[in-house]
Amino acid sequence: MARSKSSSAWLKRHVNDPYVHRARAQGYRSRAAYKLIEIAKRDRLARPGDDVVDLGAAPGGWAQVLAERVGRYGRVIAVDLMEIAPIPGVTIVRGDFQEEAVLKRLEDALGEKKLDLVVSDMAPNLSGVRATDQARSIRLCELALDFARIHLKPKGAFVVKVFQGAGYPEFLAAMRGVFIDVSSRKPGASRGGSSEMYLLGKGLKARTGP
C-alpha cells in the first residue's frame, strides 16, 4: 500500500533527523531524551541523589537520562501504560496513571519520601479530533500537576509537556497557583512546527487548602 504524503514526509524527516541519529549512537531509546537533557542542564534538575518520578515514561529515554543524572544514590520511578524494557537504576510501574489502582501502586513505591522532581511527558492516545485530543492532553497535565503538588518537597520542581491551545491559559494559571516560579522551555529537540512546549515549576507555594 502506498504511503500517504504526510506519512512519507514524516518518515523522511525522521530518517534525516540529527537527534534520531544521536540517540542511536549514544544509546538513548528516543530523540526526546535530548529535550530533557537540555532542560535539566539549563535548570540544574535531577541532581545526584535526587528522588524522581517520570510520568508517561515509555519507551524510556527520559528515564535513562534521569538515572544517569541522579546516580546510584538517587531513585527514578517510571510510569507508563505501555511496556518499558528494564533500565538500570529505574523502578518501573506499568499502568494507566489515570487509574486509582495505578496511582496507589506508585505511591506505595514512593513510601513516605517526598520527591525532588516530577517530570511528565504524557500524551493521550490520539483520536484525530483536535479539540478532543487537546482536552485529553490538558487533563493529563492537570493530573500530573496535582500529583506533583502532593508529592514534591517544598523546593522541588515539576516539568510537564503541554500543547498550546484550548485550556492552556487556564493550565498555566493553575501552575502559577502551585509554584513560586513558573517558566516555559522550548528545547532544541522539539520540532519547530509543533505547538509542544514544556512548563517548569519550581518551589511549592504554601498550601492554604486541601
N, C-alpha and C. Protein backbone atom coordinates (compact mmCIF):
# COMPACT_ATOMS: atom_id res chain seq x y z
N MET A 1 0.85 -1.19 0.00
CA MET A 1 0.00 0.00 0.00
C MET A 1 0.88 1.24 0.00
N ALA A 2 0.57 2.19 -0.86
CA ALA A 2 1.36 3.41 -0.96
C ALA A 2 1.19 4.24 0.30
N ARG A 3 2.28 4.85 0.75
CA ARG A 3 2.20 5.71 1.91
C ARG A 3 1.52 7.03 1.55
N SER A 4 0.82 7.63 2.53
CA SER A 4 0.24 8.94 2.31
C SER A 4 1.36 9.97 2.26
N LYS A 5 1.04 11.15 1.73
CA LYS A 5 2.06 12.20 1.65
C LYS A 5 2.55 12.59 3.05
N SER A 6 1.62 12.63 4.01
CA SER A 6 2.00 13.05 5.36
C SER A 6 2.92 12.03 6.02
N SER A 7 2.60 10.73 5.85
CA SER A 7 3.44 9.70 6.47
C SER A 7 4.80 9.63 5.78
N SER A 8 4.84 9.82 4.48
CA SER A 8 6.11 9.82 3.76
C SER A 8 6.98 11.00 4.19
N ALA A 9 6.34 12.15 4.41
CA ALA A 9 7.08 13.33 4.87
C ALA A 9 7.64 13.10 6.26
N TRP A 10 6.80 12.47 7.14
CA TRP A 10 7.28 12.18 8.50
C TRP A 10 8.47 11.24 8.45
N LEU A 11 8.38 10.19 7.63
CA LEU A 11 9.46 9.21 7.55
C LEU A 11 10.75 9.87 7.07
N LYS A 12 10.64 10.72 6.07
CA LYS A 12 11.83 11.40 5.54
C LYS A 12 12.44 12.29 6.62
N ARG A 13 11.59 13.03 7.33
CA ARG A 13 12.09 13.91 8.39
C ARG A 13 12.74 13.10 9.50
N HIS A 14 12.13 11.96 9.84
CA HIS A 14 12.66 11.11 10.91
C HIS A 14 14.02 10.55 10.52
N VAL A 15 14.14 10.06 9.30
CA VAL A 15 15.40 9.46 8.84
C VAL A 15 16.52 10.49 8.83
N ASN A 16 16.18 11.74 8.51
CA ASN A 16 17.19 12.78 8.41
C ASN A 16 17.38 13.57 9.70
N ASP A 17 16.67 13.20 10.74
CA ASP A 17 16.70 13.95 12.00
C ASP A 17 18.03 13.70 12.73
N PRO A 18 18.81 14.76 13.00
CA PRO A 18 20.09 14.56 13.69
C PRO A 18 19.92 14.03 15.11
N TYR A 19 18.80 14.37 15.77
CA TYR A 19 18.59 13.87 17.13
C TYR A 19 18.30 12.37 17.14
N VAL A 20 17.66 11.88 16.09
CA VAL A 20 17.44 10.44 15.96
C VAL A 20 18.78 9.72 15.84
N HIS A 21 19.68 10.27 15.02
CA HIS A 21 21.00 9.66 14.83
C HIS A 21 21.81 9.71 16.13
N ARG A 22 21.73 10.83 16.83
CA ARG A 22 22.46 10.96 18.09
C ARG A 22 21.94 9.96 19.12
N ALA A 23 20.61 9.82 19.18
CA ALA A 23 20.02 8.88 20.15
C ALA A 23 20.50 7.46 19.89
N ARG A 24 20.53 7.07 18.63
CA ARG A 24 21.01 5.73 18.29
C ARG A 24 22.47 5.56 18.66
N ALA A 25 23.27 6.56 18.36
CA ALA A 25 24.71 6.47 18.62
C ALA A 25 25.01 6.44 20.11
N GLN A 26 24.23 7.15 20.91
CA GLN A 26 24.52 7.27 22.33
C GLN A 26 23.68 6.33 23.20
N GLY A 27 22.83 5.53 22.56
CA GLY A 27 22.10 4.50 23.29
C GLY A 27 20.83 4.94 23.97
N TYR A 28 20.30 6.10 23.59
CA TYR A 28 19.03 6.54 24.16
C TYR A 28 17.87 5.96 23.35
N ARG A 29 16.79 5.68 24.03
CA ARG A 29 15.68 5.00 23.39
C ARG A 29 14.80 5.92 22.55
N SER A 30 14.97 7.21 22.69
CA SER A 30 14.19 8.14 21.89
C SER A 30 14.92 9.47 21.76
N ARG A 31 14.60 10.19 20.68
CA ARG A 31 15.18 11.52 20.49
C ARG A 31 14.73 12.48 21.57
N ALA A 32 13.60 12.16 22.24
CA ALA A 32 13.07 13.03 23.29
C ALA A 32 14.05 13.16 24.46
N ALA A 33 14.99 12.23 24.57
CA ALA A 33 15.98 12.32 25.66
C ALA A 33 16.68 13.67 25.64
N TYR A 34 16.92 14.21 24.45
CA TYR A 34 17.67 15.46 24.34
C TYR A 34 16.86 16.67 24.78
N LYS A 35 15.54 16.54 24.77
CA LYS A 35 14.71 17.62 25.32
C LYS A 35 14.97 17.75 26.81
N LEU A 36 14.94 16.61 27.50
CA LEU A 36 15.14 16.64 28.94
C LEU A 36 16.59 16.97 29.29
N ILE A 37 17.54 16.48 28.52
CA ILE A 37 18.94 16.80 28.79
C ILE A 37 19.14 18.31 28.77
N GLU A 38 18.57 18.98 27.77
CA GLU A 38 18.73 20.44 27.66
C GLU A 38 18.08 21.16 28.84
N ILE A 39 16.85 20.75 29.18
CA ILE A 39 16.14 21.41 30.28
C ILE A 39 16.86 21.15 31.60
N ALA A 40 17.25 19.91 31.83
CA ALA A 40 17.89 19.55 33.10
C ALA A 40 19.21 20.28 33.30
N LYS A 41 20.00 20.41 32.23
CA LYS A 41 21.27 21.13 32.34
C LYS A 41 21.03 22.61 32.58
N ARG A 42 20.11 23.20 31.84
CA ARG A 42 19.86 24.63 31.97
C ARG A 42 19.35 24.98 33.36
N ASP A 43 18.46 24.15 33.88
CA ASP A 43 17.79 24.48 35.14
C ASP A 43 18.27 23.67 36.32
N ARG A 44 19.36 22.93 36.15
CA ARG A 44 20.00 22.19 37.23
C ARG A 44 19.02 21.26 37.93
N LEU A 45 18.39 20.41 37.13
CA LEU A 45 17.42 19.45 37.64
C LEU A 45 18.02 18.06 37.69
N ALA A 46 17.41 17.18 38.50
CA ALA A 46 17.85 15.78 38.63
C ALA A 46 19.32 15.72 39.00
N ARG A 47 19.60 16.16 40.20
CA ARG A 47 20.97 16.15 40.70
C ARG A 47 21.29 14.81 41.36
N PRO A 48 22.57 14.51 41.57
CA PRO A 48 22.93 13.26 42.22
C PRO A 48 22.21 13.08 43.56
N GLY A 49 21.61 11.91 43.74
CA GLY A 49 20.91 11.60 44.97
C GLY A 49 19.44 11.97 44.99
N ASP A 50 18.94 12.61 43.94
CA ASP A 50 17.54 13.05 43.90
C ASP A 50 16.58 11.86 43.74
N ASP A 51 15.37 12.07 44.23
CA ASP A 51 14.26 11.14 44.02
C ASP A 51 13.34 11.74 42.97
N VAL A 52 13.06 10.96 41.91
CA VAL A 52 12.35 11.49 40.74
C VAL A 52 11.27 10.52 40.28
N VAL A 53 10.14 11.06 39.84
CA VAL A 53 9.11 10.27 39.16
C VAL A 53 8.97 10.77 37.73
N ASP A 54 8.94 9.82 36.80
CA ASP A 54 8.81 10.10 35.36
C ASP A 54 7.46 9.56 34.89
N LEU A 55 6.52 10.45 34.59
CA LEU A 55 5.18 10.06 34.16
C LEU A 55 5.11 10.04 32.63
N GLY A 56 4.54 8.98 32.09
CA GLY A 56 4.50 8.84 30.63
C GLY A 56 5.87 8.52 30.09
N ALA A 57 6.51 7.53 30.71
CA ALA A 57 7.95 7.31 30.50
C ALA A 57 8.32 6.52 29.26
N ALA A 58 7.40 5.71 28.71
CA ALA A 58 7.76 4.85 27.57
C ALA A 58 8.20 5.69 26.36
N PRO A 59 9.21 5.23 25.63
CA PRO A 59 9.93 3.94 25.75
C PRO A 59 11.05 3.95 26.78
N GLY A 60 11.31 5.12 27.41
CA GLY A 60 12.30 5.14 28.47
C GLY A 60 13.45 6.10 28.28
N GLY A 61 13.41 6.93 27.25
CA GLY A 61 14.51 7.86 27.01
C GLY A 61 14.73 8.83 28.16
N TRP A 62 13.64 9.40 28.68
CA TRP A 62 13.77 10.33 29.80
C TRP A 62 14.28 9.61 31.05
N ALA A 63 13.75 8.41 31.30
CA ALA A 63 14.18 7.65 32.48
C ALA A 63 15.68 7.34 32.42
N GLN A 64 16.18 7.06 31.22
CA GLN A 64 17.61 6.82 31.06
C GLN A 64 18.41 8.05 31.48
N VAL A 65 17.99 9.21 31.00
CA VAL A 65 18.67 10.47 31.33
C VAL A 65 18.61 10.72 32.84
N LEU A 66 17.44 10.53 33.42
CA LEU A 66 17.28 10.78 34.85
C LEU A 66 18.15 9.85 35.68
N ALA A 67 18.19 8.57 35.30
CA ALA A 67 19.01 7.61 36.05
C ALA A 67 20.49 7.99 35.99
N GLU A 68 20.93 8.44 34.84
CA GLU A 68 22.31 8.88 34.70
C GLU A 68 22.61 10.06 35.62
N ARG A 69 21.66 10.99 35.71
CA ARG A 69 21.89 12.23 36.45
C ARG A 69 21.80 12.02 37.97
N VAL A 70 20.87 11.20 38.44
CA VAL A 70 20.72 11.06 39.89
C VAL A 70 21.73 10.07 40.47
N GLY A 71 22.26 9.19 39.63
CA GLY A 71 23.30 8.27 40.06
C GLY A 71 22.82 7.19 41.00
N ARG A 72 23.75 6.48 41.57
CA ARG A 72 23.45 5.27 42.36
C ARG A 72 22.72 5.58 43.66
N TYR A 73 22.86 6.82 44.16
CA TYR A 73 22.20 7.17 45.42
C TYR A 73 20.86 7.86 45.21
N GLY A 74 20.49 8.07 43.96
CA GLY A 74 19.19 8.63 43.65
C GLY A 74 18.20 7.52 43.32
N ARG A 75 16.99 7.93 42.99
CA ARG A 75 15.95 6.96 42.66
C ARG A 75 15.06 7.52 41.56
N VAL A 76 14.76 6.68 40.59
CA VAL A 76 13.86 7.05 39.50
C VAL A 76 12.75 6.01 39.42
N ILE A 77 11.51 6.48 39.43
CA ILE A 77 10.36 5.62 39.22
C ILE A 77 9.68 6.05 37.93
N ALA A 78 9.55 5.14 36.98
CA ALA A 78 8.98 5.43 35.67
C ALA A 78 7.61 4.79 35.55
N VAL A 79 6.64 5.55 35.04
CA VAL A 79 5.26 5.08 34.95
C VAL A 79 4.77 5.22 33.52
N ASP A 80 4.14 4.16 33.00
CA ASP A 80 3.51 4.27 31.69
C ASP A 80 2.56 3.09 31.48
N LEU A 81 1.55 3.35 30.65
CA LEU A 81 0.62 2.30 30.26
C LEU A 81 1.31 1.27 29.36
N MET A 82 2.26 1.74 28.55
CA MET A 82 2.99 0.87 27.66
C MET A 82 4.14 0.17 28.39
N GLU A 83 4.54 -0.96 27.86
CA GLU A 83 5.65 -1.70 28.46
C GLU A 83 6.96 -0.94 28.27
N ILE A 84 7.77 -0.92 29.32
CA ILE A 84 9.10 -0.31 29.27
C ILE A 84 10.13 -1.40 29.57
N ALA A 85 11.04 -1.61 28.67
CA ALA A 85 12.10 -2.58 28.92
C ALA A 85 12.94 -2.12 30.10
N PRO A 86 13.47 -3.06 30.90
CA PRO A 86 14.21 -2.68 32.11
C PRO A 86 15.33 -1.67 31.83
N ILE A 87 15.50 -0.76 32.77
CA ILE A 87 16.55 0.25 32.72
C ILE A 87 17.30 0.20 34.05
N PRO A 88 18.61 0.06 34.04
CA PRO A 88 19.36 0.00 35.30
C PRO A 88 19.08 1.24 36.16
N GLY A 89 18.76 1.00 37.43
CA GLY A 89 18.52 2.10 38.35
C GLY A 89 17.14 2.68 38.31
N VAL A 90 16.23 2.07 37.54
CA VAL A 90 14.87 2.62 37.39
C VAL A 90 13.85 1.58 37.83
N THR A 91 12.93 2.00 38.69
CA THR A 91 11.79 1.17 39.08
C THR A 91 10.64 1.48 38.13
N ILE A 92 10.05 0.45 37.53
CA ILE A 92 9.01 0.66 36.53
C ILE A 92 7.64 0.26 37.09
N VAL A 93 6.68 1.15 36.96
CA VAL A 93 5.29 0.89 37.33
C VAL A 93 4.48 0.94 36.04
N ARG A 94 3.96 -0.20 35.63
CA ARG A 94 3.20 -0.24 34.38
C ARG A 94 1.71 -0.09 34.65
N GLY A 95 1.07 0.83 33.95
CA GLY A 95 -0.36 1.01 34.10
C GLY A 95 -0.76 2.42 33.70
N ASP A 96 -2.05 2.66 33.67
CA ASP A 96 -2.61 3.96 33.29
C ASP A 96 -2.62 4.87 34.51
N PHE A 97 -1.85 5.94 34.45
CA PHE A 97 -1.71 6.86 35.57
C PHE A 97 -3.06 7.45 35.98
N GLN A 98 -4.04 7.43 35.08
CA GLN A 98 -5.35 7.99 35.39
C GLN A 98 -6.17 7.06 36.29
N GLU A 99 -5.73 5.83 36.48
CA GLU A 99 -6.47 4.87 37.29
C GLU A 99 -5.99 4.91 38.75
N GLU A 100 -6.93 4.88 39.66
CA GLU A 100 -6.61 4.95 41.09
C GLU A 100 -5.69 3.81 41.53
N ALA A 101 -5.91 2.61 40.99
CA ALA A 101 -5.09 1.47 41.39
C ALA A 101 -3.63 1.66 41.01
N VAL A 102 -3.39 2.26 39.85
CA VAL A 102 -2.02 2.51 39.40
C VAL A 102 -1.38 3.60 40.25
N LEU A 103 -2.13 4.64 40.53
CA LEU A 103 -1.63 5.70 41.40
C LEU A 103 -1.27 5.15 42.77
N LYS A 104 -2.09 4.23 43.27
CA LYS A 104 -1.81 3.62 44.57
C LYS A 104 -0.50 2.82 44.52
N ARG A 105 -0.27 2.08 43.44
CA ARG A 105 0.99 1.32 43.31
C ARG A 105 2.19 2.26 43.26
N LEU A 106 2.01 3.37 42.58
CA LEU A 106 3.08 4.36 42.51
C LEU A 106 3.37 4.94 43.89
N GLU A 107 2.33 5.29 44.61
CA GLU A 107 2.52 5.86 45.94
C GLU A 107 3.11 4.84 46.91
N ASP A 108 2.74 3.57 46.74
CA ASP A 108 3.34 2.52 47.56
C ASP A 108 4.84 2.41 47.29
N ALA A 109 5.22 2.57 46.01
CA ALA A 109 6.64 2.51 45.65
C ALA A 109 7.41 3.69 46.24
N LEU A 110 6.73 4.82 46.36
CA LEU A 110 7.37 6.01 46.93
C LEU A 110 7.60 5.87 48.43
N GLY A 111 6.68 5.18 49.10
CA GLY A 111 6.75 5.14 50.55
C GLY A 111 6.40 6.51 51.11
N GLU A 112 7.11 6.91 52.12
CA GLU A 112 6.84 8.21 52.77
C GLU A 112 7.71 9.33 52.20
N LYS A 113 8.59 9.01 51.28
CA LYS A 113 9.54 10.02 50.80
C LYS A 113 8.90 11.01 49.85
N LYS A 114 9.26 12.26 50.02
CA LYS A 114 8.86 13.30 49.08
C LYS A 114 9.87 13.36 47.94
N LEU A 115 9.45 13.96 46.83
CA LEU A 115 10.25 13.95 45.61
C LEU A 115 10.97 15.27 45.37
N ASP A 116 12.12 15.16 44.73
CA ASP A 116 12.85 16.36 44.31
C ASP A 116 12.35 16.86 42.95
N LEU A 117 11.85 15.92 42.14
CA LEU A 117 11.46 16.27 40.77
C LEU A 117 10.38 15.33 40.27
N VAL A 118 9.38 15.90 39.60
CA VAL A 118 8.40 15.13 38.85
C VAL A 118 8.45 15.63 37.41
N VAL A 119 8.58 14.71 36.46
CA VAL A 119 8.55 15.08 35.05
C VAL A 119 7.40 14.34 34.37
N SER A 120 6.77 15.00 33.43
CA SER A 120 5.66 14.38 32.71
C SER A 120 5.77 14.66 31.23
N ASP A 121 5.90 13.58 30.47
CA ASP A 121 5.89 13.67 29.01
C ASP A 121 4.65 12.94 28.49
N MET A 122 3.63 12.86 29.35
CA MET A 122 2.42 12.12 28.99
C MET A 122 1.69 12.76 27.82
N ALA A 123 1.10 11.91 26.99
CA ALA A 123 0.27 12.34 25.88
C ALA A 123 -0.85 11.32 25.70
N PRO A 124 -2.04 11.77 25.33
CA PRO A 124 -3.15 10.83 25.17
C PRO A 124 -3.04 10.04 23.87
N ASN A 125 -3.76 8.94 23.79
CA ASN A 125 -3.93 8.26 22.51
C ASN A 125 -4.75 9.19 21.62
N LEU A 126 -4.24 9.48 20.44
CA LEU A 126 -4.87 10.49 19.60
C LEU A 126 -6.09 9.94 18.88
N SER A 127 -7.14 10.74 18.88
CA SER A 127 -8.39 10.39 18.21
C SER A 127 -8.45 10.96 16.81
N GLY A 128 -7.60 11.96 16.54
CA GLY A 128 -7.65 12.67 15.26
C GLY A 128 -8.56 13.88 15.30
N VAL A 129 -9.32 14.03 16.38
CA VAL A 129 -10.17 15.20 16.57
C VAL A 129 -9.40 16.18 17.45
N ARG A 130 -8.98 17.30 16.87
CA ARG A 130 -8.05 18.19 17.57
C ARG A 130 -8.57 18.66 18.91
N ALA A 131 -9.84 19.07 18.98
CA ALA A 131 -10.39 19.59 20.23
C ALA A 131 -10.41 18.51 21.31
N THR A 132 -10.76 17.30 20.92
CA THR A 132 -10.80 16.18 21.87
C THR A 132 -9.40 15.84 22.35
N ASP A 133 -8.44 15.78 21.44
CA ASP A 133 -7.07 15.44 21.81
C ASP A 133 -6.46 16.51 22.71
N GLN A 134 -6.76 17.78 22.43
CA GLN A 134 -6.23 18.85 23.27
C GLN A 134 -6.81 18.77 24.67
N ALA A 135 -8.11 18.51 24.77
CA ALA A 135 -8.75 18.41 26.08
C ALA A 135 -8.17 17.25 26.88
N ARG A 136 -7.92 16.12 26.22
CA ARG A 136 -7.33 14.97 26.90
C ARG A 136 -5.90 15.26 27.35
N SER A 137 -5.17 15.97 26.52
CA SER A 137 -3.79 16.32 26.86
C SER A 137 -3.75 17.23 28.09
N ILE A 138 -4.61 18.24 28.11
CA ILE A 138 -4.66 19.15 29.25
C ILE A 138 -5.06 18.41 30.52
N ARG A 139 -5.98 17.46 30.38
CA ARG A 139 -6.40 16.67 31.54
C ARG A 139 -5.22 15.90 32.13
N LEU A 140 -4.38 15.32 31.29
CA LEU A 140 -3.21 14.62 31.79
C LEU A 140 -2.25 15.58 32.49
N CYS A 141 -2.10 16.77 31.95
CA CYS A 141 -1.26 17.80 32.59
C CYS A 141 -1.80 18.14 33.97
N GLU A 142 -3.10 18.27 34.07
CA GLU A 142 -3.73 18.60 35.37
C GLU A 142 -3.49 17.49 36.39
N LEU A 143 -3.62 16.24 35.96
CA LEU A 143 -3.37 15.11 36.86
C LEU A 143 -1.92 15.08 37.33
N ALA A 144 -1.00 15.34 36.40
CA ALA A 144 0.42 15.36 36.76
C ALA A 144 0.71 16.50 37.73
N LEU A 145 0.10 17.66 37.50
CA LEU A 145 0.30 18.80 38.39
C LEU A 145 -0.21 18.49 39.79
N ASP A 146 -1.36 17.86 39.87
CA ASP A 146 -1.92 17.51 41.18
C ASP A 146 -1.01 16.53 41.92
N PHE A 147 -0.47 15.55 41.17
CA PHE A 147 0.47 14.60 41.77
C PHE A 147 1.70 15.33 42.30
N ALA A 148 2.25 16.23 41.48
CA ALA A 148 3.45 16.98 41.88
C ALA A 148 3.17 17.83 43.12
N ARG A 149 2.04 18.48 43.15
CA ARG A 149 1.67 19.34 44.29
C ARG A 149 1.66 18.55 45.60
N ILE A 150 1.19 17.32 45.53
CA ILE A 150 1.07 16.49 46.73
C ILE A 150 2.40 15.86 47.14
N HIS A 151 3.22 15.47 46.17
CA HIS A 151 4.36 14.61 46.46
C HIS A 151 5.72 15.28 46.39
N LEU A 152 5.79 16.52 45.93
CA LEU A 152 7.09 17.19 45.87
C LEU A 152 7.52 17.74 47.22
N LYS A 153 8.83 17.82 47.40
CA LYS A 153 9.40 18.56 48.51
C LYS A 153 9.12 20.05 48.30
N PRO A 154 9.17 20.86 49.37
CA PRO A 154 8.87 22.30 49.21
C PRO A 154 9.70 22.99 48.13
N LYS A 155 10.95 22.58 47.98
CA LYS A 155 11.81 23.20 46.96
C LYS A 155 11.92 22.34 45.70
N GLY A 156 10.99 21.41 45.53
CA GLY A 156 11.02 20.53 44.37
C GLY A 156 10.63 21.23 43.09
N ALA A 157 10.74 20.47 41.99
CA ALA A 157 10.47 21.04 40.66
C ALA A 157 9.60 20.08 39.85
N PHE A 158 8.93 20.66 38.87
CA PHE A 158 7.98 19.92 38.03
C PHE A 158 8.16 20.36 36.59
N VAL A 159 8.34 19.39 35.69
CA VAL A 159 8.45 19.66 34.25
C VAL A 159 7.34 18.92 33.55
N VAL A 160 6.55 19.62 32.73
CA VAL A 160 5.41 18.98 32.08
C VAL A 160 5.30 19.43 30.62
N LYS A 161 5.06 18.44 29.76
CA LYS A 161 4.80 18.76 28.35
C LYS A 161 3.37 19.24 28.19
N VAL A 162 3.20 20.32 27.47
CA VAL A 162 1.86 20.87 27.24
C VAL A 162 1.80 21.41 25.82
N PHE A 163 0.61 21.33 25.23
CA PHE A 163 0.41 21.85 23.89
C PHE A 163 -0.41 23.12 23.98
N GLN A 164 0.06 24.17 23.34
CA GLN A 164 -0.68 25.43 23.34
C GLN A 164 -1.97 25.27 22.56
N GLY A 165 -3.03 25.83 23.12
CA GLY A 165 -4.35 25.69 22.52
C GLY A 165 -5.40 25.85 23.59
N ALA A 166 -6.58 25.33 23.35
CA ALA A 166 -7.66 25.43 24.32
C ALA A 166 -7.24 24.81 25.65
N GLY A 167 -7.49 25.52 26.73
CA GLY A 167 -7.15 25.03 28.06
C GLY A 167 -5.76 25.39 28.53
N TYR A 168 -4.89 25.82 27.60
CA TYR A 168 -3.51 26.14 28.00
C TYR A 168 -3.44 27.33 28.95
N PRO A 169 -4.13 28.46 28.68
CA PRO A 169 -4.04 29.59 29.62
C PRO A 169 -4.50 29.21 31.02
N GLU A 170 -5.55 28.41 31.11
CA GLU A 170 -6.06 28.00 32.41
C GLU A 170 -5.05 27.09 33.14
N PHE A 171 -4.40 26.20 32.37
CA PHE A 171 -3.42 25.33 32.99
C PHE A 171 -2.21 26.13 33.46
N LEU A 172 -1.78 27.10 32.67
CA LEU A 172 -0.67 27.96 33.08
C LEU A 172 -1.01 28.69 34.37
N ALA A 173 -2.25 29.16 34.47
CA ALA A 173 -2.69 29.84 35.70
C ALA A 173 -2.66 28.87 36.88
N ALA A 174 -3.05 27.61 36.64
CA ALA A 174 -3.01 26.62 37.71
C ALA A 174 -1.57 26.36 38.16
N MET A 175 -0.65 26.30 37.21
CA MET A 175 0.77 26.13 37.55
C MET A 175 1.24 27.28 38.44
N ARG A 176 0.86 28.49 38.08
CA ARG A 176 1.27 29.67 38.84
C ARG A 176 0.64 29.69 40.23
N GLY A 177 -0.48 28.98 40.37
CA GLY A 177 -1.10 28.89 41.67
C GLY A 177 -0.41 27.89 42.59
N VAL A 178 0.38 26.99 42.01
CA VAL A 178 1.05 25.94 42.78
C VAL A 178 2.52 26.28 43.06
N PHE A 179 3.20 26.90 42.07
CA PHE A 179 4.64 27.11 42.17
C PHE A 179 5.00 28.59 42.29
N ILE A 180 6.09 28.82 43.00
CA ILE A 180 6.59 30.18 43.18
C ILE A 180 7.10 30.73 41.86
N ASP A 181 7.81 29.89 41.11
CA ASP A 181 8.39 30.32 39.83
C ASP A 181 7.94 29.38 38.72
N VAL A 182 7.38 29.94 37.66
CA VAL A 182 6.94 29.15 36.50
C VAL A 182 7.54 29.75 35.24
N SER A 183 8.16 28.92 34.43
CA SER A 183 8.75 29.39 33.18
C SER A 183 8.50 28.37 32.08
N SER A 184 8.67 28.79 30.84
CA SER A 184 8.45 27.90 29.70
C SER A 184 9.77 27.58 29.04
N ARG A 185 9.82 26.39 28.44
CA ARG A 185 11.01 25.93 27.75
C ARG A 185 10.62 25.31 26.41
N LYS A 186 11.39 25.62 25.39
CA LYS A 186 11.22 25.01 24.07
C LYS A 186 12.57 24.45 23.66
N PRO A 187 12.85 23.20 24.03
CA PRO A 187 14.18 22.64 23.75
C PRO A 187 14.47 22.56 22.25
N GLY A 188 15.74 22.53 21.94
CA GLY A 188 16.14 22.45 20.54
C GLY A 188 15.64 21.20 19.85
N ALA A 189 15.44 20.12 20.61
CA ALA A 189 14.98 18.87 20.01
C ALA A 189 13.48 18.87 19.73
N SER A 190 12.74 19.87 20.20
CA SER A 190 11.32 19.96 19.87
C SER A 190 11.17 20.35 18.41
N ARG A 191 10.23 19.75 17.73
CA ARG A 191 10.01 20.07 16.32
C ARG A 191 9.59 21.53 16.19
N GLY A 192 10.16 22.21 15.23
CA GLY A 192 9.90 23.63 15.07
C GLY A 192 8.44 23.98 14.85
N GLY A 193 7.72 23.18 14.10
CA GLY A 193 6.33 23.49 13.78
C GLY A 193 5.33 22.98 14.80
N SER A 194 5.81 22.36 15.87
CA SER A 194 4.92 21.78 16.87
C SER A 194 4.49 22.83 17.89
N SER A 195 3.27 22.68 18.41
CA SER A 195 2.79 23.56 19.48
C SER A 195 3.26 23.06 20.84
N GLU A 196 4.05 21.99 20.83
CA GLU A 196 4.58 21.43 22.06
C GLU A 196 5.54 22.39 22.75
N MET A 197 5.40 22.47 24.07
CA MET A 197 6.36 23.20 24.89
C MET A 197 6.38 22.55 26.26
N TYR A 198 7.31 22.99 27.08
CA TYR A 198 7.43 22.44 28.43
C TYR A 198 7.34 23.58 29.43
N LEU A 199 6.54 23.35 30.47
CA LEU A 199 6.45 24.29 31.57
C LEU A 199 7.25 23.75 32.74
N LEU A 200 7.98 24.63 33.40
CA LEU A 200 8.80 24.28 34.55
C LEU A 200 8.32 25.07 35.75
N GLY A 201 7.93 24.33 36.79
CA GLY A 201 7.56 24.97 38.06
C GLY A 201 8.59 24.64 39.11
N LYS A 202 8.98 25.65 39.89
CA LYS A 202 9.98 25.46 40.95
C LYS A 202 9.47 26.07 42.25
N GLY A 203 9.62 25.33 43.33
CA GLY A 203 9.27 25.83 44.66
C GLY A 203 7.77 25.88 44.90
N LEU A 204 7.28 25.01 45.77
CA LEU A 204 5.86 24.98 46.05
C LEU A 204 5.43 26.18 46.87
N LYS A 205 4.31 26.77 46.50
CA LYS A 205 3.72 27.80 47.34
C LYS A 205 3.08 27.13 48.56
N ALA A 206 2.99 27.86 49.64
CA ALA A 206 2.37 27.32 50.84
C ALA A 206 0.91 26.98 50.55
N ARG A 207 0.50 25.81 50.96
CA ARG A 207 -0.87 25.38 50.70
C ARG A 207 -1.82 26.01 51.70
N THR A 208 -2.96 26.49 51.17
CA THR A 208 -3.95 27.12 52.04
C THR A 208 -5.22 26.30 52.12
N GLY A 209 -5.24 25.16 51.42
CA GLY A 209 -6.44 24.31 51.42
C GLY A 209 -6.06 22.89 51.12
N PRO A 210 -7.05 22.01 50.95
CA PRO A 210 -6.78 20.59 50.67
C PRO A 210 -6.17 20.38 49.32
